[in-house]
Amino acid sequence: MGNKTNDEAIEVVWGLLGTISVKKYLREKPTKAKDTEYIVINALPISVGPMQKCIVNVNYHVKDIEAGIADHIKLVSGAQALFNILERVTAPSYMIDLESQHTYQEMGLDEHFSNSRLSFKFVNK
């Protein structure tokens, strides 16, 4: 097996989140999209070698109840739905560990997002 790309890590996570009915975007949300709740999956650079590692970010965005006031109920339930799926993942070719989670405000969009930072490792044999 050769080295993998961070795009392949993103695609694995995308596939695992297939049962979540919220709209999902790879890398970034299209500028004209008007979703009130959505997920963006992106990744940082990936290493090379027999054990490749990268960080995959799963950002669960939710429109504010009103400007600057987060919808904490949706943010918590969305993050928990992600955790429920990603904590049970086992595969011979990769490993996923939840590294951290934090909620951020998107000032210009009147929304907040829960960032789940995943440590993604490909096992190349």
PDB file of N, CA and C in Angstrom:
ATOM      1  N   MET A   1       0.835  -1.190   0.000  1.00  0.00           N
ATOM      2  CA  MET A   1       0.000   0.000   0.000  1.00  0.00           C
ATOM      3  C   MET A   1       0.871   1.241   0.000  1.00  0.00           C
ATOM      4  N   GLY A   2       0.497   2.216  -0.804  1.00  0.00           N
ATOM      5  CA  GLY A   2       1.228   3.468  -0.837  1.00  0.00           C
ATOM      6  C   GLY A   2       0.679   4.463   0.169  1.00  0.00           C
ATOM      7  N   ASN A   3       1.293   5.625   0.188  1.00  0.00           N
ATOM      8  CA  ASN A   3       0.839   6.687   1.077  1.00  0.00           C
ATOM      9  C   ASN A   3      -0.539   7.187   0.676  1.00  0.00           C
ATOM     10  N   LYS A   4      -1.283   7.653   1.646  1.00  0.00           N
ATOM     11  CA  LYS A   4      -2.626   8.193   1.450  1.00  0.00           C
ATOM     12  C   LYS A   4      -2.569   9.718   1.491  1.00  0.00           C
ATOM     13  N   THR A   5      -3.641  10.353   1.048  1.00  0.00           N
ATOM     14  CA  THR A   5      -3.739  11.806   1.089  1.00  0.00           C
ATOM     15  C   THR A   5      -4.701  12.230   2.197  1.00  0.00           C
ATOM     16  N   ASN A   6      -4.628  13.501   2.580  1.00  0.00           N
ATOM     17  CA  ASN A   6      -5.583  13.970   3.588  1.00  0.00           C
ATOM     18  C   ASN A   6      -6.996  13.975   3.015  1.00  0.00           C
ATOM     19  N   ASP A   7      -7.129  14.065   1.693  1.00  0.00           N
ATOM     20  CA  ASP A   7      -8.460  13.959   1.073  1.00  0.00           C
ATOM     21  C   ASP A   7      -9.080  12.592   1.330  1.00  0.00           C
ATOM     22  N   GLU A   8      -8.250  11.560   1.350  1.00  0.00           N
ATOM     23  CA  GLU A   8      -8.760  10.219   1.636  1.00  0.00           C
ATOM     24  C   GLU A   8      -9.227  10.108   3.086  1.00  0.00           C
ATOM     25  N   ALA A   9      -8.542  10.783   3.993  1.00  0.00           N
ATOM     26  CA  ALA A   9      -8.985  10.806   5.396  1.00  0.00           C
ATOM     27  C   ALA A   9     -10.334  11.513   5.514  1.00  0.00           C
ATOM     28  N   ILE A  10     -10.476  12.639   4.814  1.00  0.00           N
ATOM     29  CA  ILE A  10     -11.743  13.382   4.810  1.00  0.00           C
ATOM     30  C   ILE A  10     -12.872  12.490   4.292  1.00  0.00           C
ATOM     31  N   GLU A  11     -12.602  11.770   3.212  1.00  0.00           N
ATOM     32  CA  GLU A  11     -13.629  10.908   2.611  1.00  0.00           C
ATOM     33  C   GLU A  11     -14.042   9.780   3.552  1.00  0.00           C
ATOM     34  N   VAL A  12     -13.103   9.229   4.316  1.00  0.00           N
ATOM     35  CA  VAL A  12     -13.445   8.187   5.297  1.00  0.00           C
ATOM     36  C   VAL A  12     -14.408   8.766   6.332  1.00  0.00           C
ATOM     37  N   VAL A  13     -14.070   9.932   6.883  1.00  0.00           N
ATOM     38  CA  VAL A  13     -14.928  10.547   7.902  1.00  0.00           C
ATOM     39  C   VAL A  13     -16.278  10.904   7.294  1.00  0.00           C
ATOM     40  N   TRP A  14     -16.302  11.436   6.092  1.00  0.00           N
ATOM     41  CA  TRP A  14     -17.547  11.756   5.376  1.00  0.00           C
ATOM     42  C   TRP A  14     -18.429  10.512   5.315  1.00  0.00           C
ATOM     43  N   GLY A  15     -17.851   9.386   4.921  1.00  0.00           N
ATOM     44  CA  GLY A  15     -18.610   8.143   4.826  1.00  0.00           C
ATOM     45  C   GLY A  15     -19.151   7.678   6.160  1.00  0.00           C
ATOM     46  N   LEU A  16     -18.359   7.821   7.210  1.00  0.00           N
ATOM     47  CA  LEU A  16     -18.806   7.408   8.539  1.00  0.00           C
ATOM     48  C   LEU A  16     -19.987   8.248   9.030  1.00  0.00           C
ATOM     49  N   LEU A  17     -20.050   9.499   8.605  1.00  0.00           N
ATOM     50  CA  LEU A  17     -21.122  10.399   9.041  1.00  0.00           C
ATOM     51  C   LEU A  17     -22.334  10.359   8.117  1.00  0.00           C
ATOM     52  N   GLY A  18     -22.390   9.377   7.246  1.00  0.00           N
ATOM     53  CA  GLY A  18     -23.473   9.267   6.275  1.00  0.00           C
ATOM     54  C   GLY A  18     -24.864   9.171   6.865  1.00  0.00           C
ATOM     55  N   THR A  19     -24.991   8.662   8.089  1.00  0.00           N
ATOM     56  CA  THR A  19     -26.318   8.514   8.691  1.00  0.00           C
ATOM     57  C   THR A  19     -26.847   9.818   9.291  1.00  0.00           C
ATOM     58  N   ILE A  20     -25.979  10.820   9.416  1.00  0.00           N
ATOM     59  CA  ILE A  20     -26.437  12.121   9.934  1.00  0.00           C
ATOM     60  C   ILE A  20     -27.101  12.868   8.791  1.00  0.00           C
ATOM     61  N   SER A  21     -28.331  13.313   9.011  1.00  0.00           N
ATOM     62  CA  SER A  21     -29.131  13.903   7.924  1.00  0.00           C
ATOM     63  C   SER A  21     -28.822  15.374   7.640  1.00  0.00           C
ATOM     64  N   VAL A  22     -27.980  16.000   8.443  1.00  0.00           N
ATOM     65  CA  VAL A  22     -27.608  17.399   8.228  1.00  0.00           C
ATOM     66  C   VAL A  22     -26.733  17.492   6.978  1.00  0.00           C
ATOM     67  N   LYS A  23     -26.893  18.562   6.196  1.00  0.00           N
ATOM     68  CA  LYS A  23     -26.084  18.779   4.996  1.00  0.00           C
ATOM     69  C   LYS A  23     -24.605  18.787   5.360  1.00  0.00           C
ATOM     70  N   LYS A  24     -23.780  18.091   4.546  1.00  0.00           N
ATOM     71  CA  LYS A  24     -22.347  18.015   4.792  1.00  0.00           C
ATOM     72  C   LYS A  24     -21.583  18.585   3.596  1.00  0.00           C
ATOM     73  N   TYR A  25     -20.498  19.296   3.904  1.00  0.00           N
ATOM     74  CA  TYR A  25     -19.644  19.873   2.868  1.00  0.00           C
ATOM     75  C   TYR A  25     -18.206  19.422   3.087  1.00  0.00           C
ATOM     76  N   LEU A  26     -17.514  19.158   1.984  1.00  0.00           N
ATOM     77  CA  LEU A  26     -16.095  18.830   2.045  1.00  0.00           C
ATOM     78  C   LEU A  26     -15.289  20.116   1.954  1.00  0.00           C
ATOM     79  N   ARG A  27     -14.381  20.295   2.862  1.00  0.00           N
ATOM     80  CA  ARG A  27     -13.425  21.393   2.937  1.00  0.00           C
ATOM     81  C   ARG A  27     -14.022  22.735   3.330  1.00  0.00           C
ATOM     82  N   GLU A  28     -15.094  23.201   2.693  1.00  0.00           N
ATOM     83  CA  GLU A  28     -15.706  24.492   3.039  1.00  0.00           C
ATOM     84  C   GLU A  28     -17.138  24.555   2.534  1.00  0.00           C
ATOM     85  N   LYS A  29     -17.913  25.426   3.152  1.00  0.00           N
ATOM     86  CA  LYS A  29     -19.308  25.637   2.747  1.00  0.00           C
ATOM     87  C   LYS A  29     -19.327  26.568   1.537  1.00  0.00           C
ATOM     88  N   PRO A  30     -20.109  26.234   0.513  1.00  0.00           N
ATOM     89  CA  PRO A  30     -20.235  27.161  -0.616  1.00  0.00           C
ATOM     90  C   PRO A  30     -20.785  28.512  -0.146  1.00  0.00           C
ATOM     91  N   THR A  31     -20.257  29.581  -0.672  1.00  0.00           N
ATOM     92  CA  THR A  31     -20.614  30.932  -0.240  1.00  0.00           C
ATOM     93  C   THR A  31     -22.108  31.201  -0.309  1.00  0.00           C
ATOM     94  N   LYS A  32     -22.783  30.707  -1.325  1.00  0.00           N
ATOM     95  CA  LYS A  32     -24.203  31.021  -1.520  1.00  0.00           C
ATOM     96  C   LYS A  32     -25.148  30.093  -0.765  1.00  0.00           C
ATOM     97  N   ALA A  33     -24.637  29.071  -0.127  1.00  0.00           N
ATOM     98  CA  ALA A  33     -25.494  28.144   0.622  1.00  0.00           C
ATOM     99  C   ALA A  33     -26.116  28.867   1.816  1.00  0.00           C
ATOM    100  N   LYS A  34     -27.383  28.601   2.082  1.00  0.00           N
ATOM    101  CA  LYS A  34     -28.120  29.281   3.158  1.00  0.00           C
ATOM    102  C   LYS A  34     -28.568  28.322   4.257  1.00  0.00           C
ATOM    103  N   ASP A  35     -27.835  27.269   4.475  1.00  0.00           N
ATOM    104  CA  ASP A  35     -28.191  26.277   5.485  1.00  0.00           C
ATOM    105  C   ASP A  35     -28.191  26.882   6.886  1.00  0.00           C
ATOM    106  N   THR A  36     -29.140  26.450   7.710  1.00  0.00           N
ATOM    107  CA  THR A  36     -29.180  26.910   9.103  1.00  0.00           C
ATOM    108  C   THR A  36     -28.444  25.944  10.026  1.00  0.00           C
ATOM    109  N   GLU A  37     -28.141  24.765   9.518  1.00  0.00           N
ATOM    110  CA  GLU A  37     -27.423  23.736  10.264  1.00  0.00           C
ATOM    111  C   GLU A  37     -26.682  22.895   9.233  1.00  0.00           C
ATOM    112  N   TYR A  38     -25.360  22.717   9.416  1.00  0.00           N
ATOM    113  CA  TYR A  38     -24.571  21.976   8.435  1.00  0.00           C
ATOM    114  C   TYR A  38     -23.240  21.566   9.045  1.00  0.00           C
ATOM    115  N   ILE A  39     -22.564  20.647   8.354  1.00  0.00           N
ATOM    116  CA  ILE A  39     -21.263  20.146   8.795  1.00  0.00           C
ATOM    117  C   ILE A  39     -20.238  20.430   7.703  1.00  0.00           C
ATOM    118  N   VAL A  40     -19.060  20.888   8.119  1.00  0.00           N
ATOM    119  CA  VAL A  40     -17.932  21.049   7.199  1.00  0.00           C
ATOM    120  C   VAL A  40     -16.813  20.134   7.697  1.00  0.00           C
ATOM    121  N   ILE A  41     -16.284  19.309   6.784  1.00  0.00           N
ATOM    122  CA  ILE A  41     -15.198  18.387   7.116  1.00  0.00           C
ATOM    123  C   ILE A  41     -13.964  18.815   6.328  1.00  0.00           C
ATOM    124  N   ASN A  42     -12.866  19.080   7.047  1.00  0.00           N
ATOM    125  CA  ASN A  42     -11.613  19.444   6.385  1.00  0.00           C
ATOM    126  C   ASN A  42     -10.458  18.808   7.141  1.00  0.00           C
ATOM    127  N   ALA A  43      -9.265  18.933   6.592  1.00  0.00           N
ATOM    128  CA  ALA A  43      -8.099  18.301   7.235  1.00  0.00           C
ATOM    129  C   ALA A  43      -6.856  19.162   7.076  1.00  0.00           C
ATOM    130  N   LEU A  44      -5.952  18.990   8.027  1.00  0.00           N
ATOM    131  CA  LEU A  44      -4.633  19.607   7.973  1.00  0.00           C
ATOM    132  C   LEU A  44      -3.696  18.663   7.208  1.00  0.00           C
ATOM    133  N   PRO A  45      -2.470  19.081   6.904  1.00  0.00           N
ATOM    134  CA  PRO A  45      -1.550  18.221   6.141  1.00  0.00           C
ATOM    135  C   PRO A  45      -1.351  16.851   6.796  1.00  0.00           C
ATOM    136  N   ILE A  46      -1.039  15.879   5.952  1.00  0.00           N
ATOM    137  CA  ILE A  46      -0.832  14.506   6.405  1.00  0.00           C
ATOM    138  C   ILE A  46       0.654  14.149   6.310  1.00  0.00           C
ATOM    139  N   SER A  47       1.124  13.353   7.260  1.00  0.00           N
ATOM    140  CA  SER A  47       2.513  12.884   7.228  1.00  0.00           C
ATOM    141  C   SER A  47       2.633  11.727   6.237  1.00  0.00           C
ATOM    142  N   VAL A  48       3.838  11.246   6.016  1.00  0.00           N
ATOM    143  CA  VAL A  48       4.060  10.090   5.149  1.00  0.00           C
ATOM    144  C   VAL A  48       4.741   8.999   5.961  1.00  0.00           C
ATOM    145  N   GLY A  49       4.660   7.766   5.455  1.00  0.00           N
ATOM    146  CA  GLY A  49       5.321   6.651   6.125  1.00  0.00           C
ATOM    147  C   GLY A  49       4.364   5.528   6.429  1.00  0.00           C
ATOM    148  N   PRO A  50       4.824   4.524   7.189  1.00  0.00           N
ATOM    149  CA  PRO A  50       3.978   3.370   7.489  1.00  0.00           C
ATOM    150  C   PRO A  50       2.782   3.727   8.376  1.00  0.00           C
ATOM    151  N   MET A  51       2.919   4.770   9.204  1.00  0.00           N
ATOM    152  CA  MET A  51       1.806   5.260  10.026  1.00  0.00           C
ATOM    153  C   MET A  51       1.646   6.736   9.678  1.00  0.00           C
ATOM    154  N   GLN A  52       0.644   7.044   8.878  1.00  0.00           N
ATOM    155  CA  GLN A  52       0.397   8.429   8.483  1.00  0.00           C
ATOM    156  C   GLN A  52      -0.601   9.069   9.432  1.00  0.00           C
ATOM    157  N   LYS A  53      -0.364  10.328   9.777  1.00  0.00           N
ATOM    158  CA  LYS A  53      -1.248  11.017  10.717  1.00  0.00           C
ATOM    159  C   LYS A  53      -1.630  12.382  10.165  1.00  0.00           C
ATOM    160  N   CYS A  54      -2.888  12.742  10.388  1.00  0.00           N
ATOM    161  CA  CYS A  54      -3.346  14.101  10.103  1.00  0.00           C
ATOM    162  C   CYS A  54      -4.488  14.426  11.060  1.00  0.00           C
ATOM    163  N   ILE A  55      -4.809  15.687  11.122  1.00  0.00           N
ATOM    164  CA  ILE A  55      -5.941  16.146  11.911  1.00  0.00           C
ATOM    165  C   ILE A  55      -7.100  16.363  10.954  1.00  0.00           C
ATOM    166  N   VAL A  56      -8.238  15.765  11.261  1.00  0.00           N
ATOM    167  CA  VAL A  56      -9.465  15.997  10.506  1.00  0.00           C
ATOM    168  C   VAL A  56     -10.397  16.793  11.416  1.00  0.00           C
ATOM    169  N   ASN A  57     -10.851  17.916  10.922  1.00  0.00           N
ATOM    170  CA  ASN A  57     -11.799  18.763  11.656  1.00  0.00           C
ATOM    171  C   ASN A  57     -13.210  18.488  11.168  1.00  0.00           C
ATOM    172  N   VAL A  58     -14.108  18.255  12.108  1.00  0.00           N
ATOM    173  CA  VAL A  58     -15.529  18.129  11.796  1.00  0.00           C
ATOM    174  C   VAL A  58     -16.210  19.290  12.513  1.00  0.00           C
ATOM    175  N   ASN A  59     -16.678  20.246  11.727  1.00  0.00           N
ATOM    176  CA  ASN A  59     -17.275  21.472  12.274  1.00  0.00           C
ATOM    177  C   ASN A  59     -18.787  21.439  12.072  1.00  0.00           C
ATOM    178  N   TYR A  60     -19.507  21.396  13.189  1.00  0.00           N
ATOM    179  CA  TYR A  60     -20.973  21.326  13.180  1.00  0.00           C
ATOM    180  C   TYR A  60     -21.501  22.745  13.403  1.00  0.00           C
ATOM    181  N   HIS A  61     -21.983  23.379  12.339  1.00  0.00           N
ATOM    182  CA  HIS A  61     -22.449  24.771  12.366  1.00  0.00           C
ATOM    183  C   HIS A  61     -23.952  24.852  12.624  1.00  0.00           C
ATOM    184  N   VAL A  62     -24.350  25.821  13.458  1.00  0.00           N
ATOM    185  CA  VAL A  62     -25.770  26.035  13.774  1.00  0.00           C
ATOM    186  C   VAL A  62     -26.032  27.540  13.802  1.00  0.00           C
ATOM    187  N   LYS A  63     -27.097  27.953  13.137  1.00  0.00           N
ATOM    188  CA  LYS A  63     -27.512  29.362  13.143  1.00  0.00           C
ATOM    189  C   LYS A  63     -27.855  29.786  14.566  1.00  0.00           C
ATOM    190  N   ASP A  64     -27.453  31.013  14.938  1.00  0.00           N
ATOM    191  CA  ASP A  64     -27.749  31.537  16.268  1.00  0.00           C
ATOM    192  C   ASP A  64     -29.255  31.722  16.466  1.00  0.00           C
ATOM    193  N   ILE A  65     -29.707  31.607  17.702  1.00  0.00           N
ATOM    194  CA  ILE A  65     -31.107  31.870  18.054  1.00  0.00           C
ATOM    195  C   ILE A  65     -31.429  33.322  17.704  1.00  0.00           C
ATOM    196  N   GLU A  66     -30.506  34.198  18.074  1.00  0.00           N
ATOM    197  CA  GLU A  66     -30.498  35.585  17.609  1.00  0.00           C
ATOM    198  C   GLU A  66     -29.034  35.993  17.584  1.00  0.00           C
ATOM    199  N   ALA A  67     -28.719  37.090  16.912  1.00  0.00           N
ATOM    200  CA  ALA A  67     -27.326  37.480  16.697  1.00  0.00           C
ATOM    201  C   ALA A  67     -26.498  37.373  17.980  1.00  0.00           C
ATOM    202  N   GLY A  68     -25.471  36.532  17.940  1.00  0.00           N
ATOM    203  CA  GLY A  68     -24.560  36.372  19.068  1.00  0.00           C
ATOM    204  C   GLY A  68     -24.999  35.403  20.144  1.00  0.00           C
ATOM    205  N   ILE A  69     -26.201  34.856  20.037  1.00  0.00           N
ATOM    206  CA  ILE A  69     -26.707  33.921  21.054  1.00  0.00           C
ATOM    207  C   ILE A  69     -26.805  32.522  20.430  1.00  0.00           C
ATOM    208  N   ALA A  70     -25.914  31.653  20.880  1.00  0.00           N
ATOM    209  CA  ALA A  70     -25.823  30.306  20.317  1.00  0.00           C
ATOM    210  C   ALA A  70     -27.037  29.458  20.665  1.00  0.00           C
ATOM    211  N   ASP A  71     -27.369  28.540  19.761  1.00  0.00           N
ATOM    212  CA  ASP A  71     -28.398  27.534  20.012  1.00  0.00           C
ATOM    213  C   ASP A  71     -27.685  26.334  20.646  1.00  0.00           C
ATOM    214  N   HIS A  72     -27.467  26.406  21.955  1.00  0.00           N
ATOM    215  CA  HIS A  72     -26.678  25.389  22.650  1.00  0.00           C
ATOM    216  C   HIS A  72     -27.302  24.003  22.567  1.00  0.00           C
ATOM    217  N   ILE A  73     -28.614  23.919  22.536  1.00  0.00           N
ATOM    218  CA  ILE A  73     -29.273  22.615  22.463  1.00  0.00           C
ATOM    219  C   ILE A  73     -28.881  21.901  21.178  1.00  0.00           C
ATOM    220  N   LYS A  74     -28.950  22.606  20.040  1.00  0.00           N
ATOM    221  CA  LYS A  74     -28.575  21.991  18.759  1.00  0.00           C
ATOM    222  C   LYS A  74     -27.078  21.708  18.689  1.00  0.00           C
ATOM    223  N   LEU A  75     -26.262  22.619  19.211  1.00  0.00           N
ATOM    224  CA  LEU A  75     -24.811  22.412  19.183  1.00  0.00           C
ATOM    225  C   LEU A  75     -24.408  21.172  19.987  1.00  0.00           C
ATOM    226  N   VAL A  76     -24.982  21.019  21.177  1.00  0.00           N
ATOM    227  CA  VAL A  76     -24.656  19.865  22.023  1.00  0.00           C
ATOM    228  C   VAL A  76     -25.169  18.571  21.395  1.00  0.00           C
ATOM    229  N   SER A  77     -26.408  18.565  20.911  1.00  0.00           N
ATOM    230  CA  SER A  77     -26.944  17.330  20.326  1.00  0.00           C
ATOM    231  C   SER A  77     -26.208  16.967  19.038  1.00  0.00           C
ATOM    232  N   GLY A  78     -25.820  17.968  18.249  1.00  0.00           N
ATOM    233  CA  GLY A  78     -25.056  17.691  17.031  1.00  0.00           C
ATOM    234  C   GLY A  78     -23.681  17.128  17.338  1.00  0.00           C
ATOM    235  N   ALA A  79     -22.981  17.727  18.301  1.00  0.00           N
ATOM    236  CA  ALA A  79     -21.661  17.222  18.691  1.00  0.00           C
ATOM    237  C   ALA A  79     -21.778  15.809  19.255  1.00  0.00           C
ATOM    238  N   GLN A  80     -22.798  15.558  20.053  1.00  0.00           N
ATOM    239  CA  GLN A  80     -22.979  14.226  20.633  1.00  0.00           C
ATOM    240  C   GLN A  80     -23.277  13.179  19.556  1.00  0.00           C
ATOM    241  N   ALA A  81     -24.034  13.553  18.543  1.00  0.00           N
ATOM    242  CA  ALA A  81     -24.307  12.628  17.436  1.00  0.00           C
ATOM    243  C   ALA A  81     -23.009  12.258  16.720  1.00  0.00           C
ATOM    244  N   LEU A  82     -22.121  13.235  16.534  1.00  0.00           N
ATOM    245  CA  LEU A  82     -20.812  12.961  15.926  1.00  0.00           C
ATOM    246  C   LEU A  82     -19.998  12.024  16.806  1.00  0.00           C
ATOM    247  N   PHE A  83     -19.950  12.321  18.111  1.00  0.00           N
ATOM    248  CA  PHE A  83     -19.194  11.480  19.042  1.00  0.00           C
ATOM    249  C   PHE A  83     -19.704  10.038  19.020  1.00  0.00           C
ATOM    250  N   ASN A  84     -21.014   9.873  19.016  1.00  0.00           N
ATOM    251  CA  ASN A  84     -21.607   8.527  19.036  1.00  0.00           C
ATOM    252  C   ASN A  84     -21.156   7.697  17.849  1.00  0.00           C
ATOM    253  N   ILE A  85     -20.982   8.327  16.710  1.00  0.00           N
ATOM    254  CA  ILE A  85     -20.529   7.606  15.508  1.00  0.00           C
ATOM    255  C   ILE A  85     -19.027   7.400  15.541  1.00  0.00           C
ATOM    256  N   LEU A  86     -18.277   8.453  15.806  1.00  0.00           N
ATOM    257  CA  LEU A  86     -16.821   8.399  15.661  1.00  0.00           C
ATOM    258  C   LEU A  86     -16.115   7.669  16.798  1.00  0.00           C
ATOM    259  N   GLU A  87     -16.747   7.539  17.955  1.00  0.00           N
ATOM    260  CA  GLU A  87     -16.131   6.813  19.070  1.00  0.00           C
ATOM    261  C   GLU A  87     -16.183   5.298  18.879  1.00  0.00           C
ATOM    262  N   ARG A  88     -17.024   4.822  17.994  1.00  0.00           N
ATOM    263  CA  ARG A  88     -17.184   3.378  17.803  1.00  0.00           C
ATOM    264  C   ARG A  88     -16.422   2.858  16.597  1.00  0.00           C
ATOM    265  N   VAL A  89     -15.589   3.665  15.969  1.00  0.00           N
ATOM    266  CA  VAL A  89     -14.943   3.290  14.714  1.00  0.00           C
ATOM    267  C   VAL A  89     -13.770   2.349  14.964  1.00  0.00           C
ATOM    268  N   THR A  90     -13.802   1.224  14.248  1.00  0.00           N
ATOM    269  CA  THR A  90     -12.658   0.313  14.225  1.00  0.00           C
ATOM    270  C   THR A  90     -12.475  -0.157  12.796  1.00  0.00           C
ATOM    271  N   ALA A  91     -11.227  -0.167  12.349  1.00  0.00           N
ATOM    272  CA  ALA A  91     -10.910  -0.634  11.001  1.00  0.00           C
ATOM    273  C   ALA A  91      -9.449  -1.061  10.978  1.00  0.00           C
ATOM    274  N   PRO A  92      -9.107  -2.046  10.162  1.00  0.00           N
ATOM    275  CA  PRO A  92      -7.708  -2.490  10.128  1.00  0.00           C
ATOM    276  C   PRO A  92      -6.769  -1.480   9.457  1.00  0.00           C
ATOM    277  N   SER A  93      -7.287  -0.588   8.614  1.00  0.00           N
ATOM    278  CA  SER A  93      -6.421   0.316   7.859  1.00  0.00           C
ATOM    279  C   SER A  93      -6.326   1.733   8.418  1.00  0.00           C
ATOM    280  N   TYR A  94      -7.148   2.058   9.419  1.00  0.00           N
ATOM    281  CA  TYR A  94      -7.060   3.403  10.012  1.00  0.00           C
ATOM    282  C   TYR A  94      -7.561   3.405  11.450  1.00  0.00           C
ATOM    283  N   MET A  95      -7.185   4.465  12.172  1.00  0.00           N
ATOM    284  CA  MET A  95      -7.630   4.675  13.554  1.00  0.00           C
ATOM    285  C   MET A  95      -8.077   6.127  13.680  1.00  0.00           C
ATOM    286  N   ILE A  96      -9.129   6.350  14.446  1.00  0.00           N
ATOM    287  CA  ILE A  96      -9.618   7.694  14.686  1.00  0.00           C
ATOM    288  C   ILE A  96      -9.778   7.887  16.190  1.00  0.00           C
ATOM    289  N   ASP A  97      -9.175   8.967  16.694  1.00  0.00           N
ATOM    290  CA  ASP A  97      -9.318   9.322  18.100  1.00  0.00           C
ATOM    291  C   ASP A  97      -9.796  10.762  18.188  1.00  0.00           C
ATOM    292  N   LEU A  98     -10.775  11.009  19.048  1.00  0.00           N
ATOM    293  CA  LEU A  98     -11.213  12.371  19.295  1.00  0.00           C
ATOM    294  C   LEU A  98     -10.131  13.049  20.121  1.00  0.00           C
ATOM    295  N   GLU A  99      -9.539  14.096  19.560  1.00  0.00           N
ATOM    296  CA  GLU A  99      -8.447  14.802  20.231  1.00  0.00           C
ATOM    297  C   GLU A  99      -8.963  15.946  21.092  1.00  0.00           C
ATOM    298  N   SER A 100      -9.928  16.702  20.570  1.00  0.00           N
ATOM    299  CA  SER A 100     -10.486  17.810  21.340  1.00  0.00           C
ATOM    300  C   SER A 100     -11.803  18.257  20.710  1.00  0.00           C
ATOM    301  N   GLN A 101     -12.532  19.056  21.485  1.00  0.00           N
ATOM    302  CA  GLN A 101     -13.785  19.644  21.014  1.00  0.00           C
ATOM    303  C   GLN A 101     -13.891  21.033  21.621  1.00  0.00           C
ATOM    304  N   HIS A 102     -14.347  21.981  20.821  1.00  0.00           N
ATOM    305  CA  HIS A 102     -14.535  23.344  21.310  1.00  0.00           C
ATOM    306  C   HIS A 102     -15.598  24.026  20.458  1.00  0.00           C
ATOM    307  N   THR A 103     -16.351  24.951  21.058  1.00  0.00           N
ATOM    308  CA  THR A 103     -17.359  25.713  20.330  1.00  0.00           C
ATOM    309  C   THR A 103     -16.840  27.116  20.059  1.00  0.00           C
ATOM    310  N   TYR A 104     -17.024  27.569  18.823  1.00  0.00           N
ATOM    311  CA  TYR A 104     -16.572  28.883  18.378  1.00  0.00           C
ATOM    312  C   TYR A 104     -17.742  29.683  17.826  1.00  0.00           C
ATOM    313  N   GLN A 105     -17.606  31.004  17.851  1.00  0.00           N
ATOM    314  CA  GLN A 105     -18.603  31.894  17.260  1.00  0.00           C
ATOM    315  C   GLN A 105     -18.130  32.328  15.877  1.00  0.00           C
ATOM    316  N   GLU A 106     -19.046  32.327  14.914  1.00  0.00           N
ATOM    317  CA  GLU A 106     -18.788  32.855  13.566  1.00  0.00           C
ATOM    318  C   GLU A 106     -19.439  34.221  13.508  1.00  0.00           C
ATOM    319  N   MET A 107     -18.668  35.256  13.792  1.00  0.00           N
ATOM    320  CA  MET A 107     -19.193  36.616  13.953  1.00  0.00           C
ATOM    321  C   MET A 107     -20.049  37.093  12.769  1.00  0.00           C
ATOM    322  N   GLY A 108     -19.518  37.049  11.575  1.00  0.00           N
ATOM    323  CA  GLY A 108     -20.217  37.605  10.418  1.00  0.00           C
ATOM    324  C   GLY A 108     -21.372  36.767   9.905  1.00  0.00           C
ATOM    325  N   LEU A 109     -21.503  35.543  10.398  1.00  0.00           N
ATOM    326  CA  LEU A 109     -22.542  34.640   9.891  1.00  0.00           C
ATOM    327  C   LEU A 109     -23.691  34.440  10.871  1.00  0.00           C
ATOM    328  N   ASP A 110     -23.599  35.033  12.067  1.00  0.00           N
ATOM    329  CA  ASP A 110     -24.609  34.822  13.107  1.00  0.00           C
ATOM    330  C   ASP A 110     -24.840  33.342  13.366  1.00  0.00           C
ATOM    331  N   GLU A 111     -23.734  32.638  13.562  1.00  0.00           N
ATOM    332  CA  GLU A 111     -23.815  31.224  13.901  1.00  0.00           C
ATOM    333  C   GLU A 111     -22.622  30.858  14.778  1.00  0.00           C
ATOM    334  N   HIS A 112     -22.736  29.708  15.429  1.00  0.00           N
ATOM    335  CA  HIS A 112     -21.664  29.110  16.208  1.00  0.00           C
ATOM    336  C   HIS A 112     -21.390  27.738  15.605  1.00  0.00           C
ATOM    337  N   PHE A 113     -20.192  27.200  15.883  1.00  0.00           N
ATOM    338  CA  PHE A 113     -19.919  25.839  15.440  1.00  0.00           C
ATOM    339  C   PHE A 113     -19.122  25.086  16.487  1.00  0.00           C
ATOM    340  N   SER A 114     -19.421  23.798  16.556  1.00  0.00           N
ATOM    341  CA  SER A 114     -18.702  22.876  17.426  1.00  0.00           C
ATOM    342  C   SER A 114     -17.613  22.231  16.584  1.00  0.00           C
ATOM    343  N   ASN A 115     -16.349  22.472  16.950  1.00  0.00           N
ATOM    344  CA  ASN A 115     -15.217  21.886  16.247  1.00  0.00           C
ATOM    345  C   ASN A 115     -14.772  20.621  16.976  1.00  0.00           C
ATOM    346  N   SER A 116     -14.905  19.489  16.297  1.00  0.00           N
ATOM    347  CA  SER A 116     -14.378  18.221  16.809  1.00  0.00           C
ATOM    348  C   SER A 116     -13.098  17.938  16.034  1.00  0.00           C
ATOM    349  N   ARG A 117     -12.002  17.908  16.759  1.00  0.00           N
ATOM    350  CA  ARG A 117     -10.681  17.711  16.159  1.00  0.00           C
ATOM    351  C   ARG A 117     -10.326  16.237  16.314  1.00  0.00           C
ATOM    352  N   LEU A 118     -10.168  15.548  15.186  1.00  0.00           N
ATOM    353  CA  LEU A 118      -9.899  14.120  15.191  1.00  0.00           C
ATOM    354  C   LEU A 118      -8.447  13.842  14.818  1.00  0.00           C
ATOM    355  N   SER A 119      -7.806  12.981  15.564  1.00  0.00           N
ATOM    356  CA  SER A 119      -6.499  12.471  15.195  1.00  0.00           C
ATOM    357  C   SER A 119      -6.752  11.247  14.309  1.00  0.00           C
ATOM    358  N   PHE A 120      -6.423  11.377  13.025  1.00  0.00           N
ATOM    359  CA  PHE A 120      -6.701  10.326  12.045  1.00  0.00           C
ATOM    360  C   PHE A 120      -5.371   9.695  11.645  1.00  0.00           C
ATOM    361  N   LYS A 121      -5.291   8.365  11.743  1.00  0.00           N
ATOM    362  CA  LYS A 121      -4.067   7.648  11.389  1.00  0.00           C
ATOM    363  C   LYS A 121      -4.375   6.540  10.381  1.00  0.00           C
ATOM    364  N   PHE A 122      -3.667   6.567   9.258  1.00  0.00           N
ATOM    365  CA  PHE A 122      -3.713   5.460   8.300  1.00  0.00           C
ATOM    366  C   PHE A 122      -2.595   4.484   8.662  1.00  0.00           C
ATOM    367  N   VAL A 123      -2.890   3.188   8.656  1.00  0.00           N
ATOM    368  CA  VAL A 123      -1.899   2.159   8.894  1.00  0.00           C
ATOM    369  C   VAL A 123      -1.570   1.538   7.529  1.00  0.00           C
ATOM    370  N   ASN A 124      -0.422   1.886   6.996  1.00  0.00           N
ATOM    371  CA  ASN A 124      -0.007   1.366   5.679  1.00  0.00           C
ATOM    372  C   ASN A 124       0.822   0.105   5.883  1.00  0.00           C
ATOM    373  N   LYS A 125       0.405  -0.975   5.267  1.00  0.00           N
ATOM    374  CA  LYS A 125       1.124  -2.258   5.424  1.00  0.00           C
ATOM    375  C   LYS A 125       1.933  -2.561   4.205  1.00  0.00           C
TER     376      LYS A 125
END
